[in-house]
């Protein structure tokens, strides 16, 4: 599923934004009904929600494509530079790295393929 590739912080922020906008739209609609006027469809709210959802999905798609390209690059024997918070590693088959699902592993180190750059 594409949502597993979306940046988690971005996913949480986008989801909370959609929820807040949805409740704001409900409030505006309820207020209009209580004032006995026809509720206007808050089209801007729908546009913002659709935009956030589109950006989230596109982020997941581009991340998945980047992971796939990094894996193919690695399998062809090229070197990748993968980073963690504290350090950086040169990852290649020649250095003893292996592919484990969508991660690179060596000894007890497991690096996420999305945190790698092709040189």
PDB file of N, CA and C in Angstrom:
ATOM      1  N   UNK A   1       0.848  -1.181   0.000  1.00  0.00           N
ATOM      2  CA  UNK A   1       0.000   0.000   0.000  1.00  0.00           C
ATOM      3  C   UNK A   1       0.890   1.239   0.000  1.00  0.00           C
ATOM      4  N   UNK A   2       0.457   2.253  -0.682  1.00  0.00           N
ATOM      5  CA  UNK A   2       1.271   3.444  -0.900  1.00  0.00           C
ATOM      6  C   UNK A   2       1.492   4.245   0.386  1.00  0.00           C
ATOM      7  N   UNK A   3       0.581   4.141   1.365  1.00  0.00           N
ATOM      8  CA  UNK A   3       0.704   4.934   2.580  1.00  0.00           C
ATOM      9  C   UNK A   3       1.912   4.543   3.425  1.00  0.00           C
ATOM     10  N   UNK A   4       2.444   3.338   3.249  1.00  0.00           N
ATOM     11  CA  UNK A   4       3.619   2.945   4.022  1.00  0.00           C
ATOM     12  C   UNK A   4       4.872   3.684   3.571  1.00  0.00           C
ATOM     13  N   UNK A   5       4.834   4.325   2.401  1.00  0.00           N
ATOM     14  CA  UNK A   5       5.993   5.055   1.890  1.00  0.00           C
ATOM     15  C   UNK A   5       5.937   6.542   2.180  1.00  0.00           C
ATOM     16  N   UNK A   6       4.826   7.022   2.696  1.00  0.00           N
ATOM     17  CA  UNK A   6       4.686   8.447   2.990  1.00  0.00           C
ATOM     18  C   UNK A   6       5.415   8.773   4.286  1.00  0.00           C
ATOM     19  N   UNK A   7       6.087   9.901   4.295  1.00  0.00           N
ATOM     20  CA  UNK A   7       6.746  10.394   5.494  1.00  0.00           C
ATOM     21  C   UNK A   7       5.711  10.451   6.613  1.00  0.00           C
ATOM     22  N   UNK A   8       5.993   9.810   7.736  1.00  0.00           N
ATOM     23  CA  UNK A   8       5.000   9.698   8.815  1.00  0.00           C
ATOM     24  C   UNK A   8       4.595  11.056   9.391  1.00  0.00           C
ATOM     25  N   UNK A   9       5.547  11.937   9.552  1.00  0.00           N
ATOM     26  CA  UNK A   9       5.222  13.273  10.067  1.00  0.00           C
ATOM     27  C   UNK A   9       4.301  14.017   9.112  1.00  0.00           C
ATOM     28  N   UNK A  10       4.584  13.892   7.824  1.00  0.00           N
ATOM     29  CA  UNK A  10       3.762  14.522   6.801  1.00  0.00           C
ATOM     30  C   UNK A  10       2.366  13.909   6.776  1.00  0.00           C
ATOM     31  N   UNK A  11       2.292  12.598   6.953  1.00  0.00           N
ATOM     32  CA  UNK A  11       1.006  11.903   6.974  1.00  0.00           C
ATOM     33  C   UNK A  11       0.159  12.352   8.163  1.00  0.00           C
ATOM     34  N   UNK A  12       0.777  12.470   9.334  1.00  0.00           N
ATOM     35  CA  UNK A  12       0.051  12.916  10.535  1.00  0.00           C
ATOM     36  C   UNK A  12      -0.423  14.352  10.357  1.00  0.00           C
ATOM     37  N   UNK A  13       0.477  15.229   9.877  1.00  0.00           N
ATOM     38  CA  UNK A  13       0.106  16.635   9.671  1.00  0.00           C
ATOM     39  C   UNK A  13      -1.030  16.763   8.659  1.00  0.00           C
ATOM     40  N   UNK A  14      -0.920  16.029   7.543  1.00  0.00           N
ATOM     41  CA  UNK A  14      -1.958  16.080   6.523  1.00  0.00           C
ATOM     42  C   UNK A  14      -3.285  15.563   7.039  1.00  0.00           C
ATOM     43  N   UNK A  15      -3.245  14.463   7.771  1.00  0.00           N
ATOM     44  CA  UNK A  15      -4.474  13.887   8.321  1.00  0.00           C
ATOM     45  C   UNK A  15      -5.129  14.830   9.321  1.00  0.00           C
ATOM     46  N   UNK A  16      -4.343  15.418  10.199  1.00  0.00           N
ATOM     47  CA  UNK A  16      -4.907  16.368  11.168  1.00  0.00           C
ATOM     48  C   UNK A  16      -5.483  17.595  10.470  1.00  0.00           C
ATOM     49  N   UNK A  17      -4.804  18.054   9.423  1.00  0.00           N
ATOM     50  CA  UNK A  17      -5.313  19.205   8.663  1.00  0.00           C
ATOM     51  C   UNK A  17      -6.649  18.875   8.020  1.00  0.00           C
ATOM     52  N   UNK A  18      -6.757  17.697   7.439  1.00  0.00           N
ATOM     53  CA  UNK A  18      -8.011  17.287   6.810  1.00  0.00           C
ATOM     54  C   UNK A  18      -9.128  17.214   7.851  1.00  0.00           C
ATOM     55  N   UNK A  19      -8.834  16.677   9.028  1.00  0.00           N
ATOM     56  CA  UNK A  19      -9.840  16.569  10.090  1.00  0.00           C
ATOM     57  C   UNK A  19     -10.299  17.950  10.546  1.00  0.00           C
ATOM     58  N   UNK A  20      -9.353  18.860  10.753  1.00  0.00           N
ATOM     59  CA  UNK A  20      -9.700  20.218  11.191  1.00  0.00           C
ATOM     60  C   UNK A  20     -10.556  20.914  10.139  1.00  0.00           C
ATOM     61  N   UNK A  21     -10.173  20.805   8.879  1.00  0.00           N
ATOM     62  CA  UNK A  21     -10.945  21.442   7.808  1.00  0.00           C
ATOM     63  C   UNK A  21     -12.337  20.825   7.716  1.00  0.00           C
ATOM     64  N   UNK A  22     -12.426  19.514   7.851  1.00  0.00           N
ATOM     65  CA  UNK A  22     -13.725  18.846   7.802  1.00  0.00           C
ATOM     66  C   UNK A  22     -14.642  19.346   8.918  1.00  0.00           C
ATOM     67  N   UNK A  23     -14.127  19.445  10.144  1.00  0.00           N
ATOM     68  CA  UNK A  23     -14.963  19.925  11.248  1.00  0.00           C
ATOM     69  C   UNK A  23     -15.319  21.397  11.079  1.00  0.00           C
ATOM     70  N   UNK A  24     -14.422  22.194  10.512  1.00  0.00           N
ATOM     71  CA  UNK A  24     -14.739  23.595  10.234  1.00  0.00           C
ATOM     72  C   UNK A  24     -15.867  23.686   9.211  1.00  0.00           C
ATOM     73  N   UNK A  25     -15.831  22.810   8.207  1.00  0.00           N
ATOM     74  CA  UNK A  25     -16.898  22.794   7.197  1.00  0.00           C
ATOM     75  C   UNK A  25     -18.226  22.383   7.836  1.00  0.00           C
ATOM     76  N   UNK A  26     -18.188  21.408   8.747  1.00  0.00           N
ATOM     77  CA  UNK A  26     -19.405  20.991   9.436  1.00  0.00           C
ATOM     78  C   UNK A  26     -19.957  22.126  10.304  1.00  0.00           C
ATOM     79  N   UNK A  27     -19.066  22.865  10.967  1.00  0.00           N
ATOM     80  CA  UNK A  27     -19.486  23.974  11.823  1.00  0.00           C
ATOM     81  C   UNK A  27     -20.159  25.062  10.999  1.00  0.00           C
ATOM     82  N   UNK A  28     -19.550  25.421   9.877  1.00  0.00           N
ATOM     83  CA  UNK A  28     -20.117  26.466   9.019  1.00  0.00           C
ATOM     84  C   UNK A  28     -21.475  26.026   8.478  1.00  0.00           C
ATOM     85  N   UNK A  29     -21.572  24.765   8.093  1.00  0.00           N
ATOM     86  CA  UNK A  29     -22.836  24.240   7.579  1.00  0.00           C
ATOM     87  C   UNK A  29     -23.908  24.234   8.673  1.00  0.00           C
ATOM     88  N   UNK A  30     -23.549  23.816   9.878  1.00  0.00           N
ATOM     89  CA  UNK A  30     -24.494  23.791  11.002  1.00  0.00           C
ATOM     90  C   UNK A  30     -24.939  25.178  11.404  1.00  0.00           C
ATOM     91  N   UNK A  31     -24.024  26.122  11.356  1.00  0.00           N
ATOM     92  CA  UNK A  31     -24.354  27.501  11.713  1.00  0.00           C
ATOM     93  C   UNK A  31     -25.355  28.077  10.716  1.00  0.00           C
ATOM     94  N   UNK A  32     -25.152  27.768   9.440  1.00  0.00           N
ATOM     95  CA  UNK A  32     -26.081  28.251   8.417  1.00  0.00           C
ATOM     96  C   UNK A  32     -27.471  27.662   8.632  1.00  0.00           C
ATOM     97  N   UNK A  33     -27.539  26.375   8.972  1.00  0.00           N
ATOM     98  CA  UNK A  33     -28.842  25.747   9.208  1.00  0.00           C
ATOM     99  C   UNK A  33     -29.525  26.340  10.425  1.00  0.00           C
ATOM    100  N   UNK A  34     -28.778  26.658  11.472  1.00  0.00           N
ATOM    101  CA  UNK A  34     -29.387  27.222  12.682  1.00  0.00           C
ATOM    102  C   UNK A  34     -29.888  28.639  12.444  1.00  0.00           C
ATOM    103  N   UNK A  35     -29.341  29.311  11.457  1.00  0.00           N
ATOM    104  CA  UNK A  35     -29.797  30.663  11.120  1.00  0.00           C
ATOM    105  C   UNK A  35     -30.853  30.623  10.015  1.00  0.00           C
ATOM    106  N   UNK A  36     -31.379  29.447   9.735  1.00  0.00           N
ATOM    107  CA  UNK A  36     -32.435  29.234   8.740  1.00  0.00           C
ATOM    108  C   UNK A  36     -32.057  29.743   7.355  1.00  0.00           C
ATOM    109  N   UNK A  37     -30.844  29.530   6.971  1.00  0.00           N
ATOM    110  CA  UNK A  37     -30.447  29.849   5.606  1.00  0.00           C
ATOM    111  C   UNK A  37     -29.844  28.592   4.984  1.00  0.00           C
ATOM    112  N   UNK A  38     -29.838  28.604   3.697  1.00  0.00           N
ATOM    113  CA  UNK A  38     -29.352  27.434   2.985  1.00  0.00           C
ATOM    114  C   UNK A  38     -27.833  27.352   3.134  1.00  0.00           C
ATOM    115  N   UNK A  39     -27.337  26.190   3.610  1.00  0.00           N
ATOM    116  CA  UNK A  39     -25.879  26.084   3.763  1.00  0.00           C
ATOM    117  C   UNK A  39     -25.181  26.041   2.409  1.00  0.00           C
ATOM    118  N   UNK A  40     -24.157  26.872   2.280  1.00  0.00           N
ATOM    119  CA  UNK A  40     -23.371  26.880   1.061  1.00  0.00           C
ATOM    120  C   UNK A  40     -22.339  25.760   1.153  1.00  0.00           C
ATOM    121  N   UNK A  41     -22.112  25.135   0.046  1.00  0.00           N
ATOM    122  CA  UNK A  41     -21.092  24.091   0.011  1.00  0.00           C
ATOM    123  C   UNK A  41     -19.734  24.774   0.104  1.00  0.00           C
ATOM    124  N   UNK A  42     -19.008  24.496   1.159  1.00  0.00           N
ATOM    125  CA  UNK A  42     -17.686  25.138   1.307  1.00  0.00           C
ATOM    126  C   UNK A  42     -16.678  24.505   0.341  1.00  0.00           C
ATOM    127  N   UNK A  43     -16.756  24.941  -0.920  1.00  0.00           N
ATOM    128  CA  UNK A  43     -15.937  24.347  -1.981  1.00  0.00           C
ATOM    129  C   UNK A  43     -14.449  24.498  -1.686  1.00  0.00           C
ATOM    130  N   UNK A  44     -14.079  25.588  -1.052  1.00  0.00           N
ATOM    131  CA  UNK A  44     -12.654  25.786  -0.757  1.00  0.00           C
ATOM    132  C   UNK A  44     -12.143  24.706   0.189  1.00  0.00           C
ATOM    133  N   UNK A  45     -12.992  24.274   1.121  1.00  0.00           N
ATOM    134  CA  UNK A  45     -12.607  23.195   2.036  1.00  0.00           C
ATOM    135  C   UNK A  45     -12.372  21.893   1.297  1.00  0.00           C
ATOM    136  N   UNK A  46     -13.266  21.582   0.356  1.00  0.00           N
ATOM    137  CA  UNK A  46     -13.093  20.368  -0.438  1.00  0.00           C
ATOM    138  C   UNK A  46     -11.827  20.446  -1.296  1.00  0.00           C
ATOM    139  N   UNK A  47     -11.556  21.626  -1.841  1.00  0.00           N
ATOM    140  CA  UNK A  47     -10.354  21.798  -2.661  1.00  0.00           C
ATOM    141  C   UNK A  47      -9.098  21.605  -1.817  1.00  0.00           C
ATOM    142  N   UNK A  48      -9.090  22.155  -0.606  1.00  0.00           N
ATOM    143  CA  UNK A  48      -7.927  22.015   0.277  1.00  0.00           C
ATOM    144  C   UNK A  48      -7.746  20.558   0.689  1.00  0.00           C
ATOM    145  N   UNK A  49      -8.833  19.885   1.040  1.00  0.00           N
ATOM    146  CA  UNK A  49      -8.747  18.472   1.428  1.00  0.00           C
ATOM    147  C   UNK A  49      -8.238  17.635   0.262  1.00  0.00           C
ATOM    148  N   UNK A  50      -8.761  17.873  -0.934  1.00  0.00           N
ATOM    149  CA  UNK A  50      -8.305  17.131  -2.113  1.00  0.00           C
ATOM    150  C   UNK A  50      -6.836  17.416  -2.406  1.00  0.00           C
ATOM    151  N   UNK A  51      -6.411  18.655  -2.217  1.00  0.00           N
ATOM    152  CA  UNK A  51      -5.014  19.014  -2.453  1.00  0.00           C
ATOM    153  C   UNK A  51      -4.078  18.308  -1.476  1.00  0.00           C
ATOM    154  N   UNK A  52      -4.449  18.295  -0.208  1.00  0.00           N
ATOM    155  CA  UNK A  52      -3.627  17.627   0.799  1.00  0.00           C
ATOM    156  C   UNK A  52      -3.546  16.126   0.507  1.00  0.00           C
ATOM    157  N   UNK A  53      -4.691  15.522   0.184  1.00  0.00           N
ATOM    158  CA  UNK A  53      -4.699  14.087  -0.128  1.00  0.00           C
ATOM    159  C   UNK A  53      -3.843  13.792  -1.357  1.00  0.00           C
ATOM    160  N   UNK A  54      -3.912  14.643  -2.368  1.00  0.00           N
ATOM    161  CA  UNK A  54      -3.113  14.459  -3.581  1.00  0.00           C
ATOM    162  C   UNK A  54      -1.628  14.559  -3.284  1.00  0.00           C
ATOM    163  N   UNK A  55      -1.241  15.542  -2.485  1.00  0.00           N
ATOM    164  CA  UNK A  55       0.175  15.699  -2.131  1.00  0.00           C
ATOM    165  C   UNK A  55       0.669  14.493  -1.335  1.00  0.00           C
ATOM    166  N   UNK A  56      -0.148  13.991  -0.412  1.00  0.00           N
ATOM    167  CA  UNK A  56       0.232  12.814   0.362  1.00  0.00           C
ATOM    168  C   UNK A  56       0.444  11.598  -0.543  1.00  0.00           C
ATOM    169  N   UNK A  57      -0.463  11.393  -1.471  1.00  0.00           N
ATOM    170  CA  UNK A  57      -0.343  10.248  -2.378  1.00  0.00           C
ATOM    171  C   UNK A  57       0.862  10.398  -3.295  1.00  0.00           C
ATOM    172  N   UNK A  58       1.088  11.604  -3.823  1.00  0.00           N
ATOM    173  CA  UNK A  58       2.254  11.830  -4.685  1.00  0.00           C
ATOM    174  C   UNK A  58       3.565  11.640  -3.924  1.00  0.00           C
ATOM    175  N   UNK A  59       3.582  12.032  -2.649  1.00  0.00           N
ATOM    176  CA  UNK A  59       4.778  11.818  -1.830  1.00  0.00           C
ATOM    177  C   UNK A  59       5.067  10.324  -1.694  1.00  0.00           C
ATOM    178  N   UNK A  60       4.038   9.539  -1.458  1.00  0.00           N
ATOM    179  CA  UNK A  60       4.205   8.091  -1.354  1.00  0.00           C
ATOM    180  C   UNK A  60       4.684   7.473  -2.649  1.00  0.00           C
ATOM    181  N   UNK A  61       4.133   7.924  -3.758  1.00  0.00           N
ATOM    182  CA  UNK A  61       4.521   7.381  -5.063  1.00  0.00           C
ATOM    183  C   UNK A  61       5.974   7.707  -5.386  1.00  0.00           C
ATOM    184  N   UNK A  62       6.386   8.957  -5.170  1.00  0.00           N
ATOM    185  CA  UNK A  62       7.768   9.334  -5.482  1.00  0.00           C
ATOM    186  C   UNK A  62       8.757   8.633  -4.549  1.00  0.00           C
ATOM    187  N   UNK A  63       8.395   8.448  -3.292  1.00  0.00           N
ATOM    188  CA  UNK A  63       9.270   7.726  -2.366  1.00  0.00           C
ATOM    189  C   UNK A  63       9.427   6.273  -2.799  1.00  0.00           C
ATOM    190  N   UNK A  64       8.332   5.635  -3.190  1.00  0.00           N
ATOM    191  CA  UNK A  64       8.386   4.248  -3.660  1.00  0.00           C
ATOM    192  C   UNK A  64       9.262   4.134  -4.909  1.00  0.00           C
ATOM    193  N   UNK A  65       9.128   5.066  -5.835  1.00  0.00           N
ATOM    194  CA  UNK A  65       9.948   5.055  -7.044  1.00  0.00           C
ATOM    195  C   UNK A  65      11.427   5.230  -6.706  1.00  0.00           C
ATOM    196  N   UNK A  66      11.732   6.114  -5.741  1.00  0.00           N
ATOM    197  CA  UNK A  66      13.115   6.338  -5.337  1.00  0.00           C
ATOM    198  C   UNK A  66      13.703   5.071  -4.702  1.00  0.00           C
ATOM    199  N   UNK A  67      12.937   4.391  -3.863  1.00  0.00           N
ATOM    200  CA  UNK A  67      13.394   3.147  -3.238  1.00  0.00           C
ATOM    201  C   UNK A  67      13.677   2.100  -4.318  1.00  0.00           C
ATOM    202  N   UNK A  68      12.760   1.960  -5.268  1.00  0.00           N
ATOM    203  CA  UNK A  68      12.949   0.982  -6.351  1.00  0.00           C
ATOM    204  C   UNK A  68      14.206   1.289  -7.166  1.00  0.00           C
ATOM    205  N   UNK A  69      14.439   2.561  -7.472  1.00  0.00           N
ATOM    206  CA  UNK A  69      15.631   2.945  -8.241  1.00  0.00           C
ATOM    207  C   UNK A  69      16.904   2.665  -7.443  1.00  0.00           C
ATOM    208  N   UNK A  70      16.881   2.952  -6.141  1.00  0.00           N
ATOM    209  CA  UNK A  70      18.050   2.676  -5.300  1.00  0.00           C
ATOM    210  C   UNK A  70      18.355   1.184  -5.246  1.00  0.00           C
ATOM    211  N   UNK A  71      17.325   0.368  -5.160  1.00  0.00           N
ATOM    212  CA  UNK A  71      17.524  -1.086  -5.106  1.00  0.00           C
ATOM    213  C   UNK A  71      18.103  -1.601  -6.427  1.00  0.00           C
ATOM    214  N   UNK A  72      17.564  -1.130  -7.544  1.00  0.00           N
ATOM    215  CA  UNK A  72      18.085  -1.545  -8.856  1.00  0.00           C
ATOM    216  C   UNK A  72      19.539  -1.093  -9.000  1.00  0.00           C
ATOM    217  N   UNK A  73      19.832   0.132  -8.583  1.00  0.00           N
ATOM    218  CA  UNK A  73      21.193   0.676  -8.644  1.00  0.00           C
ATOM    219  C   UNK A  73      22.142  -0.202  -7.823  1.00  0.00           C
ATOM    220  N   UNK A  74      21.696  -0.598  -6.627  1.00  0.00           N
ATOM    221  CA  UNK A  74      22.498  -1.464  -5.761  1.00  0.00           C
ATOM    222  C   UNK A  74      22.703  -2.839  -6.402  1.00  0.00           C
ATOM    223  N   UNK A  75      21.643  -3.408  -6.964  1.00  0.00           N
ATOM    224  CA  UNK A  75      21.725  -4.739  -7.558  1.00  0.00           C
ATOM    225  C   UNK A  75      22.641  -4.767  -8.784  1.00  0.00           C
ATOM    226  N   UNK A  76      22.800  -3.632  -9.430  1.00  0.00           N
ATOM    227  CA  UNK A  76      23.703  -3.551 -10.583  1.00  0.00           C
ATOM    228  C   UNK A  76      25.164  -3.412 -10.146  1.00  0.00           C
ATOM    229  N   UNK A  77      25.389  -3.351  -8.837  1.00  0.00           N
ATOM    230  CA  UNK A  77      26.755  -3.299  -8.317  1.00  0.00           C
ATOM    231  C   UNK A  77      27.295  -1.909  -8.055  1.00  0.00           C
ATOM    232  N   UNK A  78      26.446  -0.899  -8.129  1.00  0.00           N
ATOM    233  CA  UNK A  78      26.885   0.469  -7.884  1.00  0.00           C
ATOM    234  C   UNK A  78      26.889   0.774  -6.382  1.00  0.00           C
ATOM    235  N   UNK A  79      27.494   1.883  -6.044  1.00  0.00           N
ATOM    236  CA  UNK A  79      27.635   2.299  -4.643  1.00  0.00           C
ATOM    237  C   UNK A  79      26.611   3.374  -4.312  1.00  0.00           C
ATOM    238  N   UNK A  80      25.998   3.256  -3.141  1.00  0.00           N
ATOM    239  CA  UNK A  80      25.041   4.235  -2.636  1.00  0.00           C
ATOM    240  C   UNK A  80      25.593   4.853  -1.357  1.00  0.00           C
ATOM    241  N   UNK A  81      25.219   6.096  -1.107  1.00  0.00           N
ATOM    242  CA  UNK A  81      25.564   6.723   0.160  1.00  0.00           C
ATOM    243  C   UNK A  81      24.280   6.810   0.973  1.00  0.00           C
ATOM    244  N   UNK A  82      24.220   6.051   2.061  1.00  0.00           N
ATOM    245  CA  UNK A  82      23.034   5.988   2.909  1.00  0.00           C
ATOM    246  C   UNK A  82      23.328   6.672   4.239  1.00  0.00           C
ATOM    247  N   UNK A  83      22.367   7.438   4.721  1.00  0.00           N
ATOM    248  CA  UNK A  83      22.572   8.214   5.937  1.00  0.00           C
ATOM    249  C   UNK A  83      21.598   7.827   7.029  1.00  0.00           C
ATOM    250  N   UNK A  84      22.095   7.934   8.255  1.00  0.00           N
ATOM    251  CA  UNK A  84      21.248   7.848   9.434  1.00  0.00           C
ATOM    252  C   UNK A  84      21.346   9.202  10.121  1.00  0.00           C
ATOM    253  N   UNK A  85      20.758   9.334  11.288  1.00  0.00           N
ATOM    254  CA  UNK A  85      20.824  10.605  11.999  1.00  0.00           C
ATOM    255  C   UNK A  85      22.265  10.950  12.365  1.00  0.00           C
ATOM    256  N   UNK A  86      23.038   9.951  12.744  1.00  0.00           N
ATOM    257  CA  UNK A  86      24.370  10.215  13.268  1.00  0.00           C
ATOM    258  C   UNK A  86      25.520   9.963  12.302  1.00  0.00           C
ATOM    259  N   UNK A  87      25.327   9.154  11.275  1.00  0.00           N
ATOM    260  CA  UNK A  87      26.454   8.813  10.408  1.00  0.00           C
ATOM    261  C   UNK A  87      25.993   8.494   8.997  1.00  0.00           C
ATOM    262  N   UNK A  88      26.980   8.255   8.137  1.00  0.00           N
ATOM    263  CA  UNK A  88      26.716   7.954   6.744  1.00  0.00           C
ATOM    264  C   UNK A  88      27.488   6.699   6.352  1.00  0.00           C
ATOM    265  N   UNK A  89      26.938   5.890   5.473  1.00  0.00           N
ATOM    266  CA  UNK A  89      27.580   4.642   5.059  1.00  0.00           C
ATOM    267  C   UNK A  89      27.644   4.578   3.540  1.00  0.00           C
ATOM    268  N   UNK A  90      28.733   4.015   3.033  1.00  0.00           N
ATOM    269  CA  UNK A  90      28.817   3.691   1.623  1.00  0.00           C
ATOM    270  C   UNK A  90      28.349   2.246   1.473  1.00  0.00           C
ATOM    271  N   UNK A  91      27.288   2.052   0.741  1.00  0.00           N
ATOM    272  CA  UNK A  91      26.649   0.752   0.620  1.00  0.00           C
ATOM    273  C   UNK A  91      26.876   0.208  -0.784  1.00  0.00           C
ATOM    274  N   UNK A  92      27.449  -0.980  -0.851  1.00  0.00           N
ATOM    275  CA  UNK A  92      27.618  -1.665  -2.133  1.00  0.00           C
ATOM    276  C   UNK A  92      27.777  -3.157  -1.867  1.00  0.00           C
ATOM    277  N   UNK A  93      27.574  -3.948  -2.893  1.00  0.00           N
ATOM    278  CA  UNK A  93      27.768  -5.390  -2.762  1.00  0.00           C
ATOM    279  C   UNK A  93      29.232  -5.704  -2.460  1.00  0.00           C
ATOM    280  N   UNK A  94      30.152  -4.920  -3.024  1.00  0.00           N
ATOM    281  CA  UNK A  94      31.583  -5.146  -2.807  1.00  0.00           C
ATOM    282  C   UNK A  94      31.986  -4.972  -1.345  1.00  0.00           C
ATOM    283  N   UNK A  95      31.238  -4.157  -0.621  1.00  0.00           N
ATOM    284  CA  UNK A  95      31.533  -3.902   0.794  1.00  0.00           C
ATOM    285  C   UNK A  95      30.827  -4.889   1.716  1.00  0.00           C
ATOM    286  N   UNK A  96      30.099  -5.852   1.140  1.00  0.00           N
ATOM    287  CA  UNK A  96      29.452  -6.882   1.946  1.00  0.00           C
ATOM    288  C   UNK A  96      28.017  -6.581   2.347  1.00  0.00           C
ATOM    289  N   UNK A  97      27.398  -5.569   1.765  1.00  0.00           N
ATOM    290  CA  UNK A  97      26.017  -5.238   2.077  1.00  0.00           C
ATOM    291  C   UNK A  97      25.096  -6.171   1.306  1.00  0.00           C
ATOM    292  N   UNK A  98      23.940  -6.473   1.904  1.00  0.00           N
ATOM    293  CA  UNK A  98      22.927  -7.312   1.278  1.00  0.00           C
ATOM    294  C   UNK A  98      21.597  -6.570   1.279  1.00  0.00           C
ATOM    295  N   UNK A  99      20.712  -7.045   0.439  1.00  0.00           N
ATOM    296  CA  UNK A  99      19.367  -6.492   0.372  1.00  0.00           C
ATOM    297  C   UNK A  99      18.446  -7.335   1.246  1.00  0.00           C
ATOM    298  N   UNK A 100      17.715  -6.677   2.136  1.00  0.00           N
ATOM    299  CA  UNK A 100      16.721  -7.342   2.991  1.00  0.00           C
ATOM    300  C   UNK A 100      15.407  -6.593   2.816  1.00  0.00           C
ATOM    301  N   UNK A 101      14.495  -7.166   2.033  1.00  0.00           N
ATOM    302  CA  UNK A 101      13.229  -6.521   1.660  1.00  0.00           C
ATOM    303  C   UNK A 101      13.557  -5.203   0.954  1.00  0.00           C
ATOM    304  N   UNK A 102      13.257  -4.067   1.579  1.00  0.00           N
ATOM    305  CA  UNK A 102      13.577  -2.770   0.981  1.00  0.00           C
ATOM    306  C   UNK A 102      14.633  -2.028   1.809  1.00  0.00           C
ATOM    307  N   UNK A 103      15.448  -2.786   2.502  1.00  0.00           N
ATOM    308  CA  UNK A 103      16.505  -2.222   3.330  1.00  0.00           C
ATOM    309  C   UNK A 103      17.839  -2.849   2.956  1.00  0.00           C
ATOM    310  N   UNK A 104      18.923  -2.158   3.332  1.00  0.00           N
ATOM    311  CA  UNK A 104      20.266  -2.695   3.144  1.00  0.00           C
ATOM    312  C   UNK A 104      20.794  -3.108   4.510  1.00  0.00           C
ATOM    313  N   UNK A 105      21.428  -4.270   4.568  1.00  0.00           N
ATOM    314  CA  UNK A 105      21.898  -4.784   5.845  1.00  0.00           C
ATOM    315  C   UNK A 105      23.331  -5.292   5.738  1.00  0.00           C
ATOM    316  N   UNK A 106      24.052  -5.094   6.821  1.00  0.00           N
ATOM    317  CA  UNK A 106      25.414  -5.613   6.971  1.00  0.00           C
ATOM    318  C   UNK A 106      25.664  -5.748   8.469  1.00  0.00           C
ATOM    319  N   UNK A 107      26.067  -6.954   8.868  1.00  0.00           N
ATOM    320  CA  UNK A 107      26.231  -7.245  10.298  1.00  0.00           C
ATOM    321  C   UNK A 107      24.929  -6.908  11.024  1.00  0.00           C
ATOM    322  N   UNK A 108      24.954  -5.995  11.968  1.00  0.00           N
ATOM    323  CA  UNK A 108      23.726  -5.648  12.690  1.00  0.00           C
ATOM    324  C   UNK A 108      23.155  -4.301  12.253  1.00  0.00           C
ATOM    325  N   UNK A 109      23.645  -3.759  11.149  1.00  0.00           N
ATOM    326  CA  UNK A 109      23.177  -2.467  10.651  1.00  0.00           C
ATOM    327  C   UNK A 109      22.080  -2.700   9.619  1.00  0.00           C
ATOM    328  N   UNK A 110      20.998  -1.964   9.756  1.00  0.00           N
ATOM    329  CA  UNK A 110      19.883  -2.025   8.813  1.00  0.00           C
ATOM    330  C   UNK A 110      19.565  -0.601   8.373  1.00  0.00           C
ATOM    331  N   UNK A 111      19.750  -0.323   7.077  1.00  0.00           N
ATOM    332  CA  UNK A 111      19.539   1.026   6.541  1.00  0.00           C
ATOM    333  C   UNK A 111      18.342   1.032   5.598  1.00  0.00           C
ATOM    334  N   UNK A 112      17.502   2.028   5.751  1.00  0.00           N
ATOM    335  CA  UNK A 112      16.332   2.191   4.898  1.00  0.00           C
ATOM    336  C   UNK A 112      16.769   2.689   3.527  1.00  0.00           C
ATOM    337  N   UNK A 113      16.297   2.066   2.472  1.00  0.00           N
ATOM    338  CA  UNK A 113      16.696   2.417   1.109  1.00  0.00           C
ATOM    339  C   UNK A 113      16.252   3.815   0.707  1.00  0.00           C
ATOM    340  N   UNK A 114      15.259   4.376   1.395  1.00  0.00           N
ATOM    341  CA  UNK A 114      14.813   5.716   1.025  1.00  0.00           C
ATOM    342  C   UNK A 114      15.758   6.802   1.554  1.00  0.00           C
ATOM    343  N   UNK A 115      16.681   6.426   2.445  1.00  0.00           N
ATOM    344  CA  UNK A 115      17.646   7.384   2.981  1.00  0.00           C
ATOM    345  C   UNK A 115      18.988   7.309   2.259  1.00  0.00           C
ATOM    346  N   UNK A 116      18.964   6.850   1.005  1.00  0.00           N
ATOM    347  CA  UNK A 116      20.191   6.682   0.241  1.00  0.00           C
ATOM    348  C   UNK A 116      20.188   7.578  -0.989  1.00  0.00           C
ATOM    349  N   UNK A 117      21.385   7.995  -1.368  1.00  0.00           N
ATOM    350  CA  UNK A 117      21.578   8.784  -2.581  1.00  0.00           C
ATOM    351  C   UNK A 117      22.501   8.025  -3.515  1.00  0.00           C
ATOM    352  N   UNK A 118      22.192   8.098  -4.800  1.00  0.00           N
ATOM    353  CA  UNK A 118      23.064   7.499  -5.797  1.00  0.00           C
ATOM    354  C   UNK A 118      24.183   8.479  -6.102  1.00  0.00           C
ATOM    355  N   UNK A 119      25.398   7.978  -6.168  1.00  0.00           N
ATOM    356  CA  UNK A 119      26.543   8.866  -6.431  1.00  0.00           C
ATOM    357  C   UNK A 119      26.772   9.028  -7.898  1.00  0.00           C
TER     358      UNK A 119
END
